[in-house]
PDB file of N, CA and C in Angstrom:
ATOM      1  N   MET A   1     137.139  30.267 175.673  1.00  0.00           N
ATOM      2  CA  MET A   1     137.033  30.582 174.269  1.00  0.00           C
ATOM      3  C   MET A   1     135.710  31.320 174.071  1.00  0.00           C
ATOM      4  N   ASN A   2     135.788  32.527 173.587  1.00  0.00           N
ATOM      5  CA  ASN A   2     134.579  33.323 173.412  1.00  0.00           C
ATOM      6  C   ASN A   2     134.489  33.820 171.970  1.00  0.00           C
ATOM      7  N   GLU A   3     134.656  32.916 171.045  1.00  0.00           N
ATOM      8  CA  GLU A   3     134.623  33.244 169.626  1.00  0.00           C
ATOM      9  C   GLU A   3     133.346  32.679 169.012  1.00  0.00           C
ATOM     10  N   PRO A   4     132.910  33.246 167.891  1.00  0.00           N
ATOM     11  CA  PRO A   4     131.740  32.692 167.205  1.00  0.00           C
ATOM     12  C   PRO A   4     131.986  31.236 166.797  1.00  0.00           C
ATOM     13  N   ALA A   5     130.927  30.470 166.800  1.00  0.00           N
ATOM     14  CA  ALA A   5     131.023  29.030 166.536  1.00  0.00           C
ATOM     15  C   ALA A   5     131.674  28.711 165.203  1.00  0.00           C
ATOM     16  N   GLU A   6     131.450  29.526 164.191  1.00  0.00           N
ATOM     17  CA  GLU A   6     132.019  29.201 162.880  1.00  0.00           C
ATOM     18  C   GLU A   6     133.545  29.295 162.884  1.00  0.00           C
ATOM     19  N   PHE A   7     134.115  30.126 163.729  1.00  0.00           N
ATOM     20  CA  PHE A   7     135.578  30.207 163.845  1.00  0.00           C
ATOM     21  C   PHE A   7     136.111  29.066 164.715  1.00  0.00           C
ATOM     22  N   VAL A   8     135.389  28.737 165.760  1.00  0.00           N
ATOM     23  CA  VAL A   8     135.800  27.633 166.627  1.00  0.00           C
ATOM     24  C   VAL A   8     135.732  26.316 165.857  1.00  0.00           C
ATOM     25  N   ASP A   9     134.811  26.207 164.924  1.00  0.00           N
ATOM     26  CA  ASP A   9     134.707  25.008 164.099  1.00  0.00           C
ATOM     27  C   ASP A   9     136.009  24.761 163.340  1.00  0.00           C
ATOM     28  N   ILE A  10     136.588  25.796 162.754  1.00  0.00           N
ATOM     29  CA  ILE A  10     137.863  25.656 162.033  1.00  0.00           C
ATOM     30  C   ILE A  10     138.960  25.236 163.006  1.00  0.00           C
ATOM     31  N   TYR A  11     139.001  25.902 164.153  1.00  0.00           N
ATOM     32  CA  TYR A  11     139.995  25.608 165.192  1.00  0.00           C
ATOM     33  C   TYR A  11     139.835  24.167 165.681  1.00  0.00           C
ATOM     34  N   ALA A  12     138.587  23.746 165.915  1.00  0.00           N
ATOM     35  CA  ALA A  12     138.326  22.390 166.397  1.00  0.00           C
ATOM     36  C   ALA A  12     138.776  21.342 165.394  1.00  0.00           C
ATOM     37  N   THR A  13     138.519  21.593 164.118  1.00  0.00           N
ATOM     38  CA  THR A  13     138.950  20.664 163.078  1.00  0.00           C
ATOM     39  C   THR A  13     140.470  20.515 163.100  1.00  0.00           C
ATOM     40  N   ASP A  14     141.169  21.627 163.245  1.00  0.00           N
ATOM     41  CA  ASP A  14     142.634  21.577 163.314  1.00  0.00           C
ATOM     42  C   ASP A  14     143.115  20.856 164.572  1.00  0.00           C
ATOM     43  N   LEU A  15     142.466  21.114 165.702  1.00  0.00           N
ATOM     44  CA  LEU A  15     142.875  20.448 166.943  1.00  0.00           C
ATOM     45  C   LEU A  15     142.668  18.937 166.876  1.00  0.00           C
ATOM     46  N   ILE A  16     141.554  18.521 166.296  1.00  0.00           N
ATOM     47  CA  ILE A  16     141.300  17.083 166.168  1.00  0.00           C
ATOM     48  C   ILE A  16     142.329  16.457 165.227  1.00  0.00           C
ATOM     49  N   SER A  17     142.734  17.172 164.194  1.00  0.00           N
ATOM     50  CA  SER A  17     143.800  16.671 163.310  1.00  0.00           C
ATOM     51  C   SER A  17     145.120  16.574 164.063  1.00  0.00           C
ATOM     52  N   LEU A  18     145.394  17.543 164.900  1.00  0.00           N
ATOM     53  CA  LEU A  18     146.608  17.541 165.717  1.00  0.00           C
ATOM     54  C   LEU A  18     146.623  16.351 166.670  1.00  0.00           C
ATOM     55  N   GLU A  19     145.456  15.956 167.112  1.00  0.00           N
ATOM     56  CA  GLU A  19     145.348  14.821 168.030  1.00  0.00           C
ATOM     57  C   GLU A  19     145.959  13.551 167.422  1.00  0.00           C
ATOM     58  N   ALA A  20     145.910  13.426 166.101  1.00  0.00           N
ATOM     59  CA  ALA A  20     146.494  12.260 165.444  1.00  0.00           C
ATOM     60  C   ALA A  20     148.007  12.222 165.589  1.00  0.00           C
ATOM     61  N   VAL A  21     148.601  13.385 165.797  1.00  0.00           N
ATOM     62  CA  VAL A  21     150.052  13.471 165.889  1.00  0.00           C
ATOM     63  C   VAL A  21     150.535  13.371 167.328  1.00  0.00           C
ATOM     64  N   ASP A  22     149.927  14.145 168.218  1.00  0.00           N
ATOM     65  CA  ASP A  22     150.493  14.207 169.570  1.00  0.00           C
ATOM     66  C   ASP A  22     149.674  13.504 170.648  1.00  0.00           C
ATOM     67  N   ARG A  23     148.471  13.038 170.323  1.00  0.00           N
ATOM     68  CA  ARG A  23     147.642  12.293 171.289  1.00  0.00           C
ATOM     69  C   ARG A  23     147.444  13.032 172.611  1.00  0.00           C
ATOM     70  N   ASP A  24     147.343  14.346 172.558  1.00  0.00           N
ATOM     71  CA  ASP A  24     147.134  15.157 173.767  1.00  0.00           C
ATOM     72  C   ASP A  24     145.745  14.860 174.332  1.00  0.00           C
ATOM     73  N   PRO A  25     145.657  14.328 175.555  1.00  0.00           N
ATOM     74  CA  PRO A  25     144.364  13.974 176.122  1.00  0.00           C
ATOM     75  C   PRO A  25     143.524  15.184 176.530  1.00  0.00           C
ATOM     76  N   ALA A  26     144.065  16.382 176.448  1.00  0.00           N
ATOM     77  CA  ALA A  26     143.327  17.587 176.854  1.00  0.00           C
ATOM     78  C   ALA A  26     142.507  18.191 175.719  1.00  0.00           C
ATOM     79  N   ILE A  27     142.718  17.755 174.487  1.00  0.00           N
ATOM     80  CA  ILE A  27     142.052  18.381 173.339  1.00  0.00           C
ATOM     81  C   ILE A  27     140.538  18.200 173.392  1.00  0.00           C
ATOM     82  N   ARG A  28     140.080  16.993 173.506  1.00  0.00           N
ATOM     83  CA  ARG A  28     138.628  16.754 173.485  1.00  0.00           C
ATOM     84  C   ARG A  28     137.903  17.374 174.679  1.00  0.00           C
ATOM     85  N   PRO A  29     138.415  17.260 175.905  1.00  0.00           N
ATOM     86  CA  PRO A  29     137.737  17.944 177.019  1.00  0.00           C
ATOM     87  C   PRO A  29     137.685  19.467 176.845  1.00  0.00           C
ATOM     88  N   TYR A  30     138.728  20.034 176.255  1.00  0.00           N
ATOM     89  CA  TYR A  30     138.764  21.473 175.981  1.00  0.00           C
ATOM     90  C   TYR A  30     137.639  21.869 175.017  1.00  0.00           C
ATOM     91  N   LEU A  31     137.495  21.115 173.937  1.00  0.00           N
ATOM     92  CA  LEU A  31     136.439  21.400 172.977  1.00  0.00           C
ATOM     93  C   LEU A  31     135.066  21.091 173.553  1.00  0.00           C
ATOM     94  N   GLN A  32     134.964  20.035 174.349  1.00  0.00           N
ATOM     95  CA  GLN A  32     133.681  19.687 174.953  1.00  0.00           C
ATOM     96  C   GLN A  32     133.221  20.786 175.909  1.00  0.00           C
ATOM     97  N   ALA A  33     134.131  21.404 176.618  1.00  0.00           N
ATOM     98  CA  ALA A  33     133.780  22.510 177.517  1.00  0.00           C
ATOM     99  C   ALA A  33     133.197  23.679 176.723  1.00  0.00           C
ATOM    100  N   TYR A  34     133.750  23.946 175.546  1.00  0.00           N
ATOM    101  CA  TYR A  34     133.208  25.011 174.689  1.00  0.00           C
ATOM    102  C   TYR A  34     131.775  24.674 174.277  1.00  0.00           C
ATOM    103  N   VAL A  35     131.570  23.445 173.785  1.00  0.00           N
ATOM    104  CA  VAL A  35     130.243  23.027 173.331  1.00  0.00           C
ATOM    105  C   VAL A  35     129.242  23.077 174.480  1.00  0.00           C
ATOM    106  N   ASP A  36     129.634  22.555 175.634  1.00  0.00           N
ATOM    107  CA  ASP A  36     128.736  22.559 176.788  1.00  0.00           C
ATOM    108  C   ASP A  36     128.348  23.982 177.179  1.00  0.00           C
ATOM    109  N   GLY A  37     129.317  24.893 177.154  1.00  0.00           N
ATOM    110  CA  GLY A  37     129.034  26.284 177.487  1.00  0.00           C
ATOM    111  C   GLY A  37     128.108  26.941 176.485  1.00  0.00           C
ATOM    112  N   MET A  38     128.316  26.661 175.202  1.00  0.00           N
ATOM    113  CA  MET A  38     127.449  27.238 174.171  1.00  0.00           C
ATOM    114  C   MET A  38     126.016  26.725 174.309  1.00  0.00           C
ATOM    115  N   TRP A  39     125.859  25.427 174.540  1.00  0.00           N
ATOM    116  CA  TRP A  39     124.519  24.865 174.711  1.00  0.00           C
ATOM    117  C   TRP A  39     123.838  25.431 175.948  1.00  0.00           C
ATOM    118  N   ALA A  40     124.596  25.615 177.015  1.00  0.00           N
ATOM    119  CA  ALA A  40     124.014  26.132 178.261  1.00  0.00           C
ATOM    120  C   ALA A  40     123.549  27.583 178.116  1.00  0.00           C
ATOM    121  N   ARG A  41     124.284  28.372 177.332  1.00  0.00           N
ATOM    122  CA  ARG A  41     123.947  29.788 177.179  1.00  0.00           C
ATOM    123  C   ARG A  41     122.957  30.061 176.053  1.00  0.00           C
ATOM    124  N   ALA A  42     122.731  29.105 175.185  1.00  0.00           N
ATOM    125  CA  ALA A  42     121.880  29.326 174.011  1.00  0.00           C
ATOM    126  C   ALA A  42     120.408  29.264 174.372  1.00  0.00           C
ATOM    127  N   ASP A  43     119.625  30.023 173.622  1.00  0.00           N
ATOM    128  CA  ASP A  43     118.172  29.900 173.695  1.00  0.00           C
ATOM    129  C   ASP A  43     117.762  28.858 172.668  1.00  0.00           C
ATOM    130  N   HIS A  44     117.033  27.856 173.112  1.00  0.00           N
ATOM    131  CA  HIS A  44     116.596  26.779 172.225  1.00  0.00           C
ATOM    132  C   HIS A  44     115.219  27.154 171.684  1.00  0.00           C
ATOM    133  N   ARG A  45     115.176  27.493 170.406  1.00  0.00           N
ATOM    134  CA  ARG A  45     113.944  27.956 169.783  1.00  0.00           C
ATOM    135  C   ARG A  45     113.030  26.798 169.424  1.00  0.00           C
ATOM    136  N   ALA A  46     111.760  27.109 169.231  1.00  0.00           N
ATOM    137  CA  ALA A  46     110.771  26.092 168.873  1.00  0.00           C
ATOM    138  C   ALA A  46     111.073  25.454 167.519  1.00  0.00           C
ATOM    139  N   ASP A  47     111.747  26.190 166.632  1.00  0.00           N
ATOM    140  CA  ASP A  47     112.055  25.633 165.313  1.00  0.00           C
ATOM    141  C   ASP A  47     113.320  24.777 165.311  1.00  0.00           C
ATOM    142  N   GLY A  48     113.943  24.580 166.479  1.00  0.00           N
ATOM    143  CA  GLY A  48     115.112  23.728 166.590  1.00  0.00           C
ATOM    144  C   GLY A  48     116.438  24.442 166.439  1.00  0.00           C
ATOM    145  N   LEU A  49     116.400  25.717 166.050  1.00  0.00           N
ATOM    146  CA  LEU A  49     117.641  26.474 165.915  1.00  0.00           C
ATOM    147  C   LEU A  49     118.057  27.047 167.261  1.00  0.00           C
ATOM    148  N   LEU A  50     119.313  27.392 167.373  1.00  0.00           N
ATOM    149  CA  LEU A  50     119.843  27.976 168.601  1.00  0.00           C
ATOM    150  C   LEU A  50     120.080  29.462 168.407  1.00  0.00           C
ATOM    151  N   GLU A  51     119.734  30.245 169.399  1.00  0.00           N
ATOM    152  CA  GLU A  51     120.127  31.644 169.437  1.00  0.00           C
ATOM    153  C   GLU A  51     121.367  31.685 170.320  1.00  0.00           C
ATOM    154  N   LEU A  52     122.520  31.846 169.711  1.00  0.00           N
ATOM    155  CA  LEU A  52     123.778  31.908 170.450  1.00  0.00           C
ATOM    156  C   LEU A  52     124.011  33.363 170.817  1.00  0.00           C
ATOM    157  N   HIS A  53     123.886  33.685 172.085  1.00  0.00           N
ATOM    158  CA  HIS A  53     123.795  35.067 172.554  1.00  0.00           C
ATOM    159  C   HIS A  53     124.861  36.005 172.018  1.00  0.00           C
ATOM    160  N   HIS A  54     126.098  35.606 172.022  1.00  0.00           N
ATOM    161  CA  HIS A  54     127.136  36.545 171.614  1.00  0.00           C
ATOM    162  C   HIS A  54     127.238  36.696 170.105  1.00  0.00           C
ATOM    163  N   SER A  55     126.516  35.886 169.369  1.00  0.00           N
ATOM    164  CA  SER A  55     126.689  35.913 167.920  1.00  0.00           C
ATOM    165  C   SER A  55     125.443  36.363 167.168  1.00  0.00           C
ATOM    166  N   GLY A  56     124.462  36.881 167.847  1.00  0.00           N
ATOM    167  CA  GLY A  56     123.294  37.422 167.166  1.00  0.00           C
ATOM    168  C   GLY A  56     122.265  36.358 166.823  1.00  0.00           C
ATOM    169  N   PRO A  57     121.355  36.703 165.911  1.00  0.00           N
ATOM    170  CA  PRO A  57     120.264  35.784 165.575  1.00  0.00           C
ATOM    171  C   PRO A  57     120.771  34.480 164.960  1.00  0.00           C
ATOM    172  N   ALA A  58     119.940  33.466 165.051  1.00  0.00           N
ATOM    173  CA  ALA A  58     120.311  32.153 164.511  1.00  0.00           C
ATOM    174  C   ALA A  58     120.621  32.277 163.033  1.00  0.00           C
ATOM    175  N   GLN A  59     121.775  31.748 162.641  1.00  0.00           N
ATOM    176  CA  GLN A  59     122.179  31.738 161.247  1.00  0.00           C
ATOM    177  C   GLN A  59     122.691  30.345 160.919  1.00  0.00           C
ATOM    178  N   LEU A  60     122.518  29.972 159.668  1.00  0.00           N
ATOM    179  CA  LEU A  60     122.858  28.616 159.253  1.00  0.00           C
ATOM    180  C   LEU A  60     124.322  28.283 159.484  1.00  0.00           C
ATOM    181  N   ASP A  61     125.246  29.220 159.238  1.00  0.00           N
ATOM    182  CA  ASP A  61     126.663  28.906 159.411  1.00  0.00           C
ATOM    183  C   ASP A  61     126.990  28.595 160.866  1.00  0.00           C
ATOM    184  N   ARG A  62     126.346  29.265 161.796  1.00  0.00           N
ATOM    185  CA  ARG A  62     126.596  28.989 163.219  1.00  0.00           C
ATOM    186  C   ARG A  62     125.986  27.662 163.643  1.00  0.00           C
ATOM    187  N   GLN A  63     124.807  27.357 163.103  1.00  0.00           N
ATOM    188  CA  GLN A  63     124.175  26.073 163.414  1.00  0.00           C
ATOM    189  C   GLN A  63     125.036  24.931 162.891  1.00  0.00           C
ATOM    190  N   ALA A  64     125.492  25.060 161.656  1.00  0.00           N
ATOM    191  CA  ALA A  64     126.320  24.023 161.037  1.00  0.00           C
ATOM    192  C   ALA A  64     127.629  23.853 161.789  1.00  0.00           C
ATOM    193  N   ALA A  65     128.203  24.941 162.254  1.00  0.00           N
ATOM    194  CA  ALA A  65     129.459  24.863 162.999  1.00  0.00           C
ATOM    195  C   ALA A  65     129.274  24.079 164.290  1.00  0.00           C
ATOM    196  N   MET A  66     128.200  24.335 165.009  1.00  0.00           N
ATOM    197  CA  MET A  66     127.963  23.605 166.260  1.00  0.00           C
ATOM    198  C   MET A  66     127.740  22.121 165.987  1.00  0.00           C
ATOM    199  N   VAL A  67     127.026  21.804 164.925  1.00  0.00           N
ATOM    200  CA  VAL A  67     126.802  20.398 164.553  1.00  0.00           C
ATOM    201  C   VAL A  67     128.136  19.737 164.210  1.00  0.00           C
ATOM    202  N   ASN A  68     128.990  20.434 163.472  1.00  0.00           N
ATOM    203  CA  ASN A  68     130.270  19.848 163.079  1.00  0.00           C
ATOM    204  C   ASN A  68     131.173  19.626 164.292  1.00  0.00           C
ATOM    205  N   ILE A  69     131.212  20.578 165.200  1.00  0.00           N
ATOM    206  CA  ILE A  69     132.046  20.414 166.405  1.00  0.00           C
ATOM    207  C   ILE A  69     131.554  19.218 167.213  1.00  0.00           C
ATOM    208  N   ASP A  70     130.237  19.093 167.362  1.00  0.00           N
ATOM    209  CA  ASP A  70     129.682  17.918 168.054  1.00  0.00           C
ATOM    210  C   ASP A  70     130.070  16.631 167.346  1.00  0.00           C
ATOM    211  N   ALA A  71     130.010  16.625 166.021  1.00  0.00           N
ATOM    212  CA  ALA A  71     130.367  15.430 165.251  1.00  0.00           C
ATOM    213  C   ALA A  71     131.841  15.082 165.433  1.00  0.00           C
ATOM    214  N   LEU A  72     132.697  16.093 165.439  1.00  0.00           N
ATOM    215  CA  LEU A  72     134.129  15.841 165.664  1.00  0.00           C
ATOM    216  C   LEU A  72     134.360  15.187 167.021  1.00  0.00           C
ATOM    217  N   LEU A  73     133.627  15.659 168.027  1.00  0.00           N
ATOM    218  CA  LEU A  73     133.819  15.129 169.375  1.00  0.00           C
ATOM    219  C   LEU A  73     133.288  13.707 169.533  1.00  0.00           C
ATOM    220  N   THR A  74     132.323  13.332 168.730  1.00  0.00           N
ATOM    221  CA  THR A  74     131.778  11.975 168.855  1.00  0.00           C
ATOM    222  C   THR A  74     132.510  10.974 167.970  1.00  0.00           C
ATOM    223  N   SER A  75     133.371  11.481 167.095  1.00  0.00           N
ATOM    224  CA  SER A  75     134.121  10.585 166.217  1.00  0.00           C
ATOM    225  C   SER A  75     135.290   9.943 166.972  1.00  0.00           C
ATOM    226  N   SER A  76     135.774   8.865 166.436  1.00  0.00           N
ATOM    227  CA  SER A  76     136.950   8.220 167.006  1.00  0.00           C
ATOM    228  C   SER A  76     138.173   9.099 166.776  1.00  0.00           C
ATOM    229  N   PRO A  77     139.141   9.026 167.684  1.00  0.00           N
ATOM    230  CA  PRO A  77     140.369   9.779 167.436  1.00  0.00           C
ATOM    231  C   PRO A  77     140.990   9.367 166.112  1.00  0.00           C
ATOM    232  N   PRO A  78     141.561  10.312 165.392  1.00  0.00           N
ATOM    233  CA  PRO A  78     142.176   9.967 164.101  1.00  0.00           C
ATOM    234  C   PRO A  78     143.350   9.020 164.276  1.00  0.00           C
ATOM    235  N   LEU A  79     143.635   8.276 163.239  1.00  0.00           N
ATOM    236  CA  LEU A  79     144.793   7.374 163.269  1.00  0.00           C
ATOM    237  C   LEU A  79     146.076   8.176 163.238  1.00  0.00           C
ATOM    238  N   PRO A  80     147.122   7.707 163.872  1.00  0.00           N
ATOM    239  CA  PRO A  80     148.394   8.436 163.845  1.00  0.00           C
ATOM    240  C   PRO A  80     148.915   8.572 162.416  1.00  0.00           C
ATOM    241  N   CYS A  81     149.552   9.669 162.158  1.00  0.00           N
ATOM    242  CA  CYS A  81     150.192   9.897 160.844  1.00  0.00           C
ATOM    243  C   CYS A  81     151.397   8.970 160.730  1.00  0.00           C
ATOM    244  N   GLN A  82     151.633   8.507 159.531  1.00  0.00           N
ATOM    245  CA  GLN A  82     152.778   7.621 159.324  1.00  0.00           C
ATOM    246  C   GLN A  82     153.744   8.199 158.348  1.00  0.00           C
TER     247      GLN A  82
END
């Protein structure tokens, strides 16, 4: 996945919602691989922001997207739909 973080954030939210329906064990590792790759390629600035190479200078929407994706991955799987 080589998309800007703000787009992957929307996709990740949908995938985590899908997890409540189909319990696919590949969803979280797939998203975790994206996060790990972004962190590995990013420049960690002194002010705490990330310079995500393919997406230009640090911007709040990209920072927020990475935080949200991390939060989704640390949350418990959603309850099944009834």
